[in-house]
Amino acid sequence: MSGTSEMSVASAFSGMTRVDPVVFKAACPDCRSGFELAASALRLVVGATHRTTFYSFTCPQCRTAVRKPAGERIVELLTGGGVRALRLQGTVRGA
């Protein structure tokens, strides 16, 4: 093979731009502080109903465990930003 078809690492990545990690704005209901969290600091649980679908995190200021409901839009935003989701198995009744 000729060397003309080989691409250097530098030229392969030359058009790429740096991407900043996604951060999510959050607030603690206990100490009322606002802060930003990386995707790895959030936990998302997707259940069969809106009551069993939530996200949680630990407040970096007061160390309180915070749990908040997550509707469809929140689930979409969190998963799109890299938060890993734990999907609970639901049972189907009346089938």
PDB file of N, CA and C in Angstrom:
ATOM      1  N   MET A   1       0.832  -1.199   0.000  1.00  0.00           N
ATOM      2  CA  MET A   1       0.000   0.000   0.000  1.00  0.00           C
ATOM      3  C   MET A   1       0.867   1.250   0.000  1.00  0.00           C
ATOM      4  N   SER A   2       0.397   2.242  -0.667  1.00  0.00           N
ATOM      5  CA  SER A   2       1.158   3.484  -0.696  1.00  0.00           C
ATOM      6  C   SER A   2       0.835   4.312   0.534  1.00  0.00           C
ATOM      7  N   GLY A   3       1.727   5.187   0.915  1.00  0.00           N
ATOM      8  CA  GLY A   3       1.558   6.024   2.097  1.00  0.00           C
ATOM      9  C   GLY A   3       0.576   7.153   1.901  1.00  0.00           C
ATOM     10  N   THR A   4       0.086   7.350   0.695  1.00  0.00           N
ATOM     11  CA  THR A   4      -0.829   8.463   0.444  1.00  0.00           C
ATOM     12  C   THR A   4      -2.220   8.229   1.013  1.00  0.00           C
ATOM     13  N   SER A   5      -2.630   6.967   1.189  1.00  0.00           N
ATOM     14  CA  SER A   5      -3.963   6.712   1.716  1.00  0.00           C
ATOM     15  C   SER A   5      -3.994   6.661   3.242  1.00  0.00           C
ATOM     16  N   GLU A   6      -2.833   6.661   3.878  1.00  0.00           N
ATOM     17  CA  GLU A   6      -2.790   6.632   5.339  1.00  0.00           C
ATOM     18  C   GLU A   6      -3.016   8.030   5.888  1.00  0.00           C
ATOM     19  N   MET A   7      -3.724   8.086   6.995  1.00  0.00           N
ATOM     20  CA  MET A   7      -4.042   9.363   7.606  1.00  0.00           C
ATOM     21  C   MET A   7      -3.329   9.441   8.954  1.00  0.00           C
ATOM     22  N   SER A   8      -2.706  10.561   9.223  1.00  0.00           N
ATOM     23  CA  SER A   8      -2.038  10.716  10.517  1.00  0.00           C
ATOM     24  C   SER A   8      -3.081  10.989  11.597  1.00  0.00           C
ATOM     25  N   VAL A   9      -2.724  10.718  12.826  1.00  0.00           N
ATOM     26  CA  VAL A   9      -3.626  10.974  13.952  1.00  0.00           C
ATOM     27  C   VAL A   9      -3.979  12.451  14.012  1.00  0.00           C
ATOM     28  N   ALA A  10      -2.991  13.301  13.804  1.00  0.00           N
ATOM     29  CA  ALA A  10      -3.231  14.747  13.860  1.00  0.00           C
ATOM     30  C   ALA A  10      -4.238  15.186  12.804  1.00  0.00           C
ATOM     31  N   SER A  11      -4.114  14.661  11.585  1.00  0.00           N
ATOM     32  CA  SER A  11      -5.059  15.074  10.547  1.00  0.00           C
ATOM     33  C   SER A  11      -6.440  14.460  10.765  1.00  0.00           C
ATOM     34  N   ALA A  12      -6.507  13.275  11.365  1.00  0.00           N
ATOM     35  CA  ALA A  12      -7.799  12.636  11.623  1.00  0.00           C
ATOM     36  C   ALA A  12      -8.625  13.432  12.621  1.00  0.00           C
ATOM     37  N   PHE A  13      -7.963  14.051  13.587  1.00  0.00           N
ATOM     38  CA  PHE A  13      -8.669  14.789  14.630  1.00  0.00           C
ATOM     39  C   PHE A  13      -8.622  16.298  14.438  1.00  0.00           C
ATOM     40  N   SER A  14      -8.093  16.755  13.325  1.00  0.00           N
ATOM     41  CA  SER A  14      -7.894  18.190  13.126  1.00  0.00           C
ATOM     42  C   SER A  14      -9.201  18.981  13.090  1.00  0.00           C
ATOM     43  N   GLY A  15     -10.277  18.394  12.604  1.00  0.00           N
ATOM     44  CA  GLY A  15     -11.545  19.115  12.510  1.00  0.00           C
ATOM     45  C   GLY A  15     -12.383  19.063  13.779  1.00  0.00           C
ATOM     46  N   MET A  16     -11.961  18.275  14.743  1.00  0.00           N
ATOM     47  CA  MET A  16     -12.748  18.127  15.974  1.00  0.00           C
ATOM     48  C   MET A  16     -12.494  19.290  16.921  1.00  0.00           C
ATOM     49  N   THR A  17     -13.514  19.656  17.640  1.00  0.00           N
ATOM     50  CA  THR A  17     -13.371  20.697  18.647  1.00  0.00           C
ATOM     51  C   THR A  17     -13.502  20.080  20.030  1.00  0.00           C
ATOM     52  N   ARG A  18     -12.985  20.763  21.006  1.00  0.00           N
ATOM     53  CA  ARG A  18     -13.035  20.291  22.382  1.00  0.00           C
ATOM     54  C   ARG A  18     -14.470  20.401  22.895  1.00  0.00           C
ATOM     55  N   VAL A  19     -14.937  19.379  23.559  1.00  0.00           N
ATOM     56  CA  VAL A  19     -16.288  19.381  24.115  1.00  0.00           C
ATOM     57  C   VAL A  19     -16.182  19.426  25.632  1.00  0.00           C
ATOM     58  N   ASP A  20     -16.822  20.418  26.233  1.00  0.00           N
ATOM     59  CA  ASP A  20     -16.822  20.515  27.689  1.00  0.00           C
ATOM     60  C   ASP A  20     -17.767  19.477  28.261  1.00  0.00           C
ATOM     61  N   PRO A  21     -17.426  18.919  29.417  1.00  0.00           N
ATOM     62  CA  PRO A  21     -18.338  17.944  30.033  1.00  0.00           C
ATOM     63  C   PRO A  21     -19.665  18.611  30.413  1.00  0.00           C
ATOM     64  N   VAL A  22     -20.728  17.833  30.360  1.00  0.00           N
ATOM     65  CA  VAL A  22     -22.048  18.340  30.705  1.00  0.00           C
ATOM     66  C   VAL A  22     -22.139  18.482  32.225  1.00  0.00           C
ATOM     67  N   VAL A  23     -22.676  19.603  32.670  1.00  0.00           N
ATOM     68  CA  VAL A  23     -22.949  19.795  34.092  1.00  0.00           C
ATOM     69  C   VAL A  23     -24.416  20.162  34.247  1.00  0.00           C
ATOM     70  N   PHE A  24     -24.973  19.768  35.360  1.00  0.00           N
ATOM     71  CA  PHE A  24     -26.378  20.016  35.646  1.00  0.00           C
ATOM     72  C   PHE A  24     -26.483  20.944  36.842  1.00  0.00           C
ATOM     73  N   LYS A  25     -27.354  21.934  36.738  1.00  0.00           N
ATOM     74  CA  LYS A  25     -27.601  22.822  37.864  1.00  0.00           C
ATOM     75  C   LYS A  25     -28.579  22.138  38.803  1.00  0.00           C
ATOM     76  N   ALA A  26     -28.290  22.219  40.088  1.00  0.00           N
ATOM     77  CA  ALA A  26     -29.152  21.601  41.095  1.00  0.00           C
ATOM     78  C   ALA A  26     -29.178  22.493  42.331  1.00  0.00           C
ATOM     79  N   ALA A  27     -30.117  22.215  43.199  1.00  0.00           N
ATOM     80  CA  ALA A  27     -30.233  22.954  44.451  1.00  0.00           C
ATOM     81  C   ALA A  27     -30.640  21.991  45.551  1.00  0.00           C
ATOM     82  N   CYS A  28     -30.193  22.284  46.745  1.00  0.00           N
ATOM     83  CA  CYS A  28     -30.521  21.456  47.898  1.00  0.00           C
ATOM     84  C   CYS A  28     -31.727  22.053  48.623  1.00  0.00           C
ATOM     85  N   PRO A  29     -32.763  21.263  48.867  1.00  0.00           N
ATOM     86  CA  PRO A  29     -33.923  21.783  49.584  1.00  0.00           C
ATOM     87  C   PRO A  29     -33.640  22.008  51.078  1.00  0.00           C
ATOM     88  N   ASP A  30     -32.595  21.386  51.616  1.00  0.00           N
ATOM     89  CA  ASP A  30     -32.268  21.549  53.040  1.00  0.00           C
ATOM     90  C   ASP A  30     -31.468  22.819  53.314  1.00  0.00           C
ATOM     91  N   CYS A  31     -30.290  22.931  52.679  1.00  0.00           N
ATOM     92  CA  CYS A  31     -29.436  24.093  52.956  1.00  0.00           C
ATOM     93  C   CYS A  31     -29.643  25.221  51.947  1.00  0.00           C
ATOM     94  N   ARG A  32     -30.446  24.970  50.918  1.00  0.00           N
ATOM     95  CA  ARG A  32     -30.807  25.942  49.886  1.00  0.00           C
ATOM     96  C   ARG A  32     -29.632  26.434  49.035  1.00  0.00           C
ATOM     97  N   SER A  33     -28.540  25.715  49.028  1.00  0.00           N
ATOM     98  CA  SER A  33     -27.424  26.119  48.177  1.00  0.00           C
ATOM     99  C   SER A  33     -27.656  25.611  46.753  1.00  0.00           C
ATOM    100  N   GLY A  34     -27.155  26.374  45.806  1.00  0.00           N
ATOM    101  CA  GLY A  34     -27.219  25.990  44.404  1.00  0.00           C
ATOM    102  C   GLY A  34     -25.825  25.611  43.938  1.00  0.00           C
ATOM    103  N   PHE A  35     -25.721  24.677  43.007  1.00  0.00           N
ATOM    104  CA  PHE A  35     -24.420  24.183  42.577  1.00  0.00           C
ATOM    105  C   PHE A  35     -24.570  23.475  41.249  1.00  0.00           C
ATOM    106  N   GLU A  36     -23.460  23.067  40.682  1.00  0.00           N
ATOM    107  CA  GLU A  36     -23.442  22.303  39.447  1.00  0.00           C
ATOM    108  C   GLU A  36     -22.886  20.922  39.746  1.00  0.00           C
ATOM    109  N   LEU A  37     -23.472  19.912  39.107  1.00  0.00           N
ATOM    110  CA  LEU A  37     -23.048  18.528  39.301  1.00  0.00           C
ATOM    111  C   LEU A  37     -22.710  17.891  37.968  1.00  0.00           C
ATOM    112  N   ALA A  38     -21.677  17.076  37.974  1.00  0.00           N
ATOM    113  CA  ALA A  38     -21.333  16.283  36.793  1.00  0.00           C
ATOM    114  C   ALA A  38     -22.327  15.133  36.674  1.00  0.00           C
ATOM    115  N   ALA A  39     -22.434  14.564  35.500  1.00  0.00           N
ATOM    116  CA  ALA A  39     -23.344  13.435  35.279  1.00  0.00           C
ATOM    117  C   ALA A  39     -23.057  12.290  36.241  1.00  0.00           C
ATOM    118  N   SER A  40     -21.807  12.080  36.572  1.00  0.00           N
ATOM    119  CA  SER A  40     -21.433  10.981  37.470  1.00  0.00           C
ATOM    120  C   SER A  40     -21.910  11.188  38.901  1.00  0.00           C
ATOM    121  N   ALA A  41     -22.288  12.408  39.265  1.00  0.00           N
ATOM    122  CA  ALA A  41     -22.759  12.698  40.623  1.00  0.00           C
ATOM    123  C   ALA A  41     -24.262  12.483  40.777  1.00  0.00           C
ATOM    124  N   LEU A  42     -24.945  12.204  39.672  1.00  0.00           N
ATOM    125  CA  LEU A  42     -26.391  12.004  39.686  1.00  0.00           C
ATOM    126  C   LEU A  42     -26.725  10.537  39.477  1.00  0.00           C
ATOM    127  N   ARG A  43     -27.805  10.103  40.113  1.00  0.00           N
ATOM    128  CA  ARG A  43     -28.334   8.758  39.908  1.00  0.00           C
ATOM    129  C   ARG A  43     -29.764   8.900  39.408  1.00  0.00           C
ATOM    130  N   LEU A  44     -30.094   8.151  38.371  1.00  0.00           N
ATOM    131  CA  LEU A  44     -31.421   8.209  37.775  1.00  0.00           C
ATOM    132  C   LEU A  44     -32.042   6.827  37.846  1.00  0.00           C
ATOM    133  N   VAL A  45     -33.255   6.759  38.376  1.00  0.00           N
ATOM    134  CA  VAL A  45     -34.000   5.503  38.448  1.00  0.00           C
ATOM    135  C   VAL A  45     -35.277   5.684  37.644  1.00  0.00           C
ATOM    136  N   VAL A  46     -35.471   4.819  36.657  1.00  0.00           N
ATOM    137  CA  VAL A  46     -36.656   4.893  35.804  1.00  0.00           C
ATOM    138  C   VAL A  46     -37.534   3.692  36.125  1.00  0.00           C
ATOM    139  N   GLY A  47     -38.679   3.985  36.719  1.00  0.00           N
ATOM    140  CA  GLY A  47     -39.623   2.931  37.087  1.00  0.00           C
ATOM    141  C   GLY A  47     -40.790   2.866  36.119  1.00  0.00           C
ATOM    142  N   ALA A  48     -41.755   2.042  36.467  1.00  0.00           N
ATOM    143  CA  ALA A  48     -42.925   1.838  35.619  1.00  0.00           C
ATOM    144  C   ALA A  48     -43.909   3.016  35.687  1.00  0.00           C
ATOM    145  N   THR A  49     -43.840   3.812  36.747  1.00  0.00           N
ATOM    146  CA  THR A  49     -44.766   4.943  36.910  1.00  0.00           C
ATOM    147  C   THR A  49     -43.996   6.206  37.273  1.00  0.00           C
ATOM    148  N   HIS A  50     -44.709   7.321  37.262  1.00  0.00           N
ATOM    149  CA  HIS A  50     -44.067   8.580  37.657  1.00  0.00           C
ATOM    150  C   HIS A  50     -43.652   8.556  39.128  1.00  0.00           C
ATOM    151  N   ARG A  51     -44.305   7.758  39.941  1.00  0.00           N
ATOM    152  CA  ARG A  51     -43.949   7.666  41.367  1.00  0.00           C
ATOM    153  C   ARG A  51     -42.649   6.907  41.604  1.00  0.00           C
ATOM    154  N   THR A  52     -42.288   6.054  40.667  1.00  0.00           N
ATOM    155  CA  THR A  52     -41.070   5.262  40.830  1.00  0.00           C
ATOM    156  C   THR A  52     -39.942   5.724  39.909  1.00  0.00           C
ATOM    157  N   THR A  53     -40.092   6.908  39.329  1.00  0.00           N
ATOM    158  CA  THR A  53     -39.059   7.483  38.483  1.00  0.00           C
ATOM    159  C   THR A  53     -38.536   8.747  39.164  1.00  0.00           C
ATOM    160  N   PHE A  54     -37.239   8.757  39.452  1.00  0.00           N
ATOM    161  CA  PHE A  54     -36.657   9.878  40.190  1.00  0.00           C
ATOM    162  C   PHE A  54     -35.160   9.968  39.916  1.00  0.00           C
ATOM    163  N   TYR A  55     -34.590  11.104  40.298  1.00  0.00           N
ATOM    164  CA  TYR A  55     -33.132  11.237  40.290  1.00  0.00           C
ATOM    165  C   TYR A  55     -32.706  11.641  41.686  1.00  0.00           C
ATOM    166  N   SER A  56     -31.457  11.349  42.002  1.00  0.00           N
ATOM    167  CA  SER A  56     -30.956  11.674  43.332  1.00  0.00           C
ATOM    168  C   SER A  56     -29.486  12.079  43.254  1.00  0.00           C
ATOM    169  N   PHE A  57     -29.065  12.779  44.285  1.00  0.00           N
ATOM    170  CA  PHE A  57     -27.681  13.212  44.406  1.00  0.00           C
ATOM    171  C   PHE A  57     -27.420  13.550  45.867  1.00  0.00           C
ATOM    172  N   THR A  58     -26.169  13.725  46.199  1.00  0.00           N
ATOM    173  CA  THR A  58     -25.781  14.151  47.544  1.00  0.00           C
ATOM    174  C   THR A  58     -25.343  15.601  47.451  1.00  0.00           C
ATOM    175  N   CYS A  59     -25.916  16.441  48.308  1.00  0.00           N
ATOM    176  CA  CYS A  59     -25.565  17.860  48.312  1.00  0.00           C
ATOM    177  C   CYS A  59     -24.087  18.009  48.677  1.00  0.00           C
ATOM    178  N   PRO A  60     -23.316  18.700  47.841  1.00  0.00           N
ATOM    179  CA  PRO A  60     -21.893  18.865  48.150  1.00  0.00           C
ATOM    180  C   PRO A  60     -21.635  19.818  49.326  1.00  0.00           C
ATOM    181  N   GLN A  61     -22.636  20.602  49.703  1.00  0.00           N
ATOM    182  CA  GLN A  61     -22.463  21.548  50.806  1.00  0.00           C
ATOM    183  C   GLN A  61     -22.768  20.919  52.163  1.00  0.00           C
ATOM    184  N   CYS A  62     -23.969  20.318  52.293  1.00  0.00           N
ATOM    185  CA  CYS A  62     -24.391  19.792  53.597  1.00  0.00           C
ATOM    186  C   CYS A  62     -24.414  18.266  53.660  1.00  0.00           C
ATOM    187  N   ARG A  63     -24.101  17.609  52.544  1.00  0.00           N
ATOM    188  CA  ARG A  63     -24.028  16.146  52.451  1.00  0.00           C
ATOM    189  C   ARG A  63     -25.384  15.449  52.620  1.00  0.00           C
ATOM    190  N   THR A  64     -26.478  16.160  52.443  1.00  0.00           N
ATOM    191  CA  THR A  64     -27.810  15.579  52.520  1.00  0.00           C
ATOM    192  C   THR A  64     -28.105  14.799  51.244  1.00  0.00           C
ATOM    193  N   ALA A  65     -28.712  13.637  51.390  1.00  0.00           N
ATOM    194  CA  ALA A  65     -29.166  12.871  50.233  1.00  0.00           C
ATOM    195  C   ALA A  65     -30.463  13.504  49.737  1.00  0.00           C
ATOM    196  N   VAL A  66     -30.497  13.865  48.462  1.00  0.00           N
ATOM    197  CA  VAL A  66     -31.649  14.542  47.869  1.00  0.00           C
ATOM    198  C   VAL A  66     -32.246  13.631  46.804  1.00  0.00           C
ATOM    199  N   ARG A  67     -33.571  13.506  46.825  1.00  0.00           N
ATOM    200  CA  ARG A  67     -34.296  12.700  45.837  1.00  0.00           C
ATOM    201  C   ARG A  67     -35.422  13.554  45.278  1.00  0.00           C
ATOM    202  N   LYS A  68     -35.485  13.627  43.937  1.00  0.00           N
ATOM    203  CA  LYS A  68     -36.504  14.447  43.279  1.00  0.00           C
ATOM    204  C   LYS A  68     -37.177  13.649  42.177  1.00  0.00           C
ATOM    205  N   PRO A  69     -38.471  13.890  41.955  1.00  0.00           N
ATOM    206  CA  PRO A  69     -39.178  13.187  40.880  1.00  0.00           C
ATOM    207  C   PRO A  69     -38.620  13.590  39.518  1.00  0.00           C
ATOM    208  N   ALA A  70     -38.701  12.661  38.577  1.00  0.00           N
ATOM    209  CA  ALA A  70     -38.209  12.937  37.226  1.00  0.00           C
ATOM    210  C   ALA A  70     -39.286  12.572  36.212  1.00  0.00           C
ATOM    211  N   GLY A  71     -39.820  13.593  35.564  1.00  0.00           N
ATOM    212  CA  GLY A  71     -40.768  13.361  34.477  1.00  0.00           C
ATOM    213  C   GLY A  71     -40.027  12.976  33.209  1.00  0.00           C
ATOM    214  N   GLU A  72     -40.782  12.767  32.137  1.00  0.00           N
ATOM    215  CA  GLU A  72     -40.195  12.336  30.867  1.00  0.00           C
ATOM    216  C   GLU A  72     -39.121  13.286  30.358  1.00  0.00           C
ATOM    217  N   ARG A  73     -39.360  14.582  30.464  1.00  0.00           N
ATOM    218  CA  ARG A  73     -38.391  15.577  29.968  1.00  0.00           C
ATOM    219  C   ARG A  73     -37.101  15.539  30.788  1.00  0.00           C
ATOM    220  N   ILE A  74     -37.209  15.408  32.101  1.00  0.00           N
ATOM    221  CA  ILE A  74     -36.022  15.336  32.963  1.00  0.00           C
ATOM    222  C   ILE A  74     -35.226  14.078  32.643  1.00  0.00           C
ATOM    223  N   VAL A  75     -35.912  12.959  32.468  1.00  0.00           N
ATOM    224  CA  VAL A  75     -35.237  11.704  32.111  1.00  0.00           C
ATOM    225  C   VAL A  75     -34.481  11.883  30.798  1.00  0.00           C
ATOM    226  N   GLU A  76     -35.124  12.522  29.833  1.00  0.00           N
ATOM    227  CA  GLU A  76     -34.507  12.761  28.528  1.00  0.00           C
ATOM    228  C   GLU A  76     -33.261  13.636  28.658  1.00  0.00           C
ATOM    229  N   LEU A  77     -33.352  14.708  29.417  1.00  0.00           N
ATOM    230  CA  LEU A  77     -32.222  15.616  29.590  1.00  0.00           C
ATOM    231  C   LEU A  77     -31.066  14.937  30.328  1.00  0.00           C
ATOM    232  N   LEU A  78     -31.386  14.208  31.394  1.00  0.00           N
ATOM    233  CA  LEU A  78     -30.329  13.559  32.168  1.00  0.00           C
ATOM    234  C   LEU A  78     -29.621  12.472  31.358  1.00  0.00           C
ATOM    235  N   THR A  79     -30.390  11.622  30.705  1.00  0.00           N
ATOM    236  CA  THR A  79     -29.753  10.554  29.929  1.00  0.00           C
ATOM    237  C   THR A  79     -28.987  11.132  28.737  1.00  0.00           C
ATOM    238  N   GLY A  80     -29.516  12.173  28.123  1.00  0.00           N
ATOM    239  CA  GLY A  80     -28.820  12.832  27.022  1.00  0.00           C
ATOM    240  C   GLY A  80     -27.518  13.479  27.456  1.00  0.00           C
ATOM    241  N   GLY A  81     -27.436  13.845  28.733  1.00  0.00           N
ATOM    242  CA  GLY A  81     -26.230  14.456  29.280  1.00  0.00           C
ATOM    243  C   GLY A  81     -25.265  13.466  29.901  1.00  0.00           C
ATOM    244  N   GLY A  82     -25.564  12.182  29.761  1.00  0.00           N
ATOM    245  CA  GLY A  82     -24.615  11.181  30.231  1.00  0.00           C
ATOM    246  C   GLY A  82     -24.902  10.544  31.574  1.00  0.00           C
ATOM    247  N   VAL A  83     -26.046  10.866  32.182  1.00  0.00           N
ATOM    248  CA  VAL A  83     -26.396  10.229  33.453  1.00  0.00           C
ATOM    249  C   VAL A  83     -26.879   8.811  33.151  1.00  0.00           C
ATOM    250  N   ARG A  84     -26.295   7.849  33.818  1.00  0.00           N
ATOM    251  CA  ARG A  84     -26.695   6.460  33.604  1.00  0.00           C
ATOM    252  C   ARG A  84     -28.000   6.184  34.339  1.00  0.00           C
ATOM    253  N   ALA A  85     -28.876   5.453  33.686  1.00  0.00           N
ATOM    254  CA  ALA A  85     -30.203   5.172  34.248  1.00  0.00           C
ATOM    255  C   ALA A  85     -30.293   3.720  34.697  1.00  0.00           C
ATOM    256  N   LEU A  86     -30.870   3.533  35.868  1.00  0.00           N
ATOM    257  CA  LEU A  86     -31.218   2.207  36.359  1.00  0.00           C
ATOM    258  C   LEU A  86     -32.690   2.030  36.025  1.00  0.00           C
ATOM    259  N   ARG A  87     -32.998   1.061  35.205  1.00  0.00           N
ATOM    260  CA  ARG A  87     -34.382   0.830  34.793  1.00  0.00           C
ATOM    261  C   ARG A  87     -34.965  -0.321  35.604  1.00  0.00           C
ATOM    262  N   LEU A  88     -36.016  -0.025  36.346  1.00  0.00           N
ATOM    263  CA  LEU A  88     -36.670  -1.024  37.174  1.00  0.00           C
ATOM    264  C   LEU A  88     -37.614  -1.847  36.316  1.00  0.00           C
ATOM    265  N   GLN A  89     -37.684  -3.117  36.573  1.00  0.00           N
ATOM    266  CA  GLN A  89     -38.602  -3.990  35.867  1.00  0.00           C
ATOM    267  C   GLN A  89     -39.998  -3.796  36.448  1.00  0.00           C
ATOM    268  N   GLY A  90     -40.956  -3.518  35.603  1.00  0.00           N
ATOM    269  CA  GLY A  90     -42.338  -3.362  36.035  1.00  0.00           C
ATOM    270  C   GLY A  90     -43.144  -4.608  35.716  1.00  0.00           C
ATOM    271  N   THR A  91     -44.203  -4.820  36.439  1.00  0.00           N
ATOM    272  CA  THR A  91     -45.059  -5.954  36.141  1.00  0.00           C
ATOM    273  C   THR A  91     -46.273  -5.449  35.393  1.00  0.00           C
ATOM    274  N   VAL A  92     -46.737  -6.206  34.467  1.00  0.00           N
ATOM    275  CA  VAL A  92     -47.911  -5.846  33.684  1.00  0.00           C
ATOM    276  C   VAL A  92     -49.100  -6.581  34.297  1.00  0.00           C
ATOM    277  N   ARG A  93     -50.090  -5.805  34.697  1.00  0.00           N
ATOM    278  CA  ARG A  93     -51.282  -6.417  35.296  1.00  0.00           C
ATOM    279  C   ARG A  93     -52.402  -6.476  34.298  1.00  0.00           C
ATOM    280  N   GLY A  94     -53.219  -7.480  34.435  1.00  0.00           N
ATOM    281  CA  GLY A  94     -54.393  -7.611  33.585  1.00  0.00           C
ATOM    282  C   GLY A  94     -54.095  -8.163  32.204  1.00  0.00           C
ATOM    283  N   ALA A  95     -52.920  -8.707  32.022  1.00  0.00           N
ATOM    284  CA  ALA A  95     -52.576  -9.227  30.692  1.00  0.00           C
ATOM    285  C   ALA A  95     -53.034 -10.650  30.506  1.00  0.00           C
TER     286      ALA A  95
END
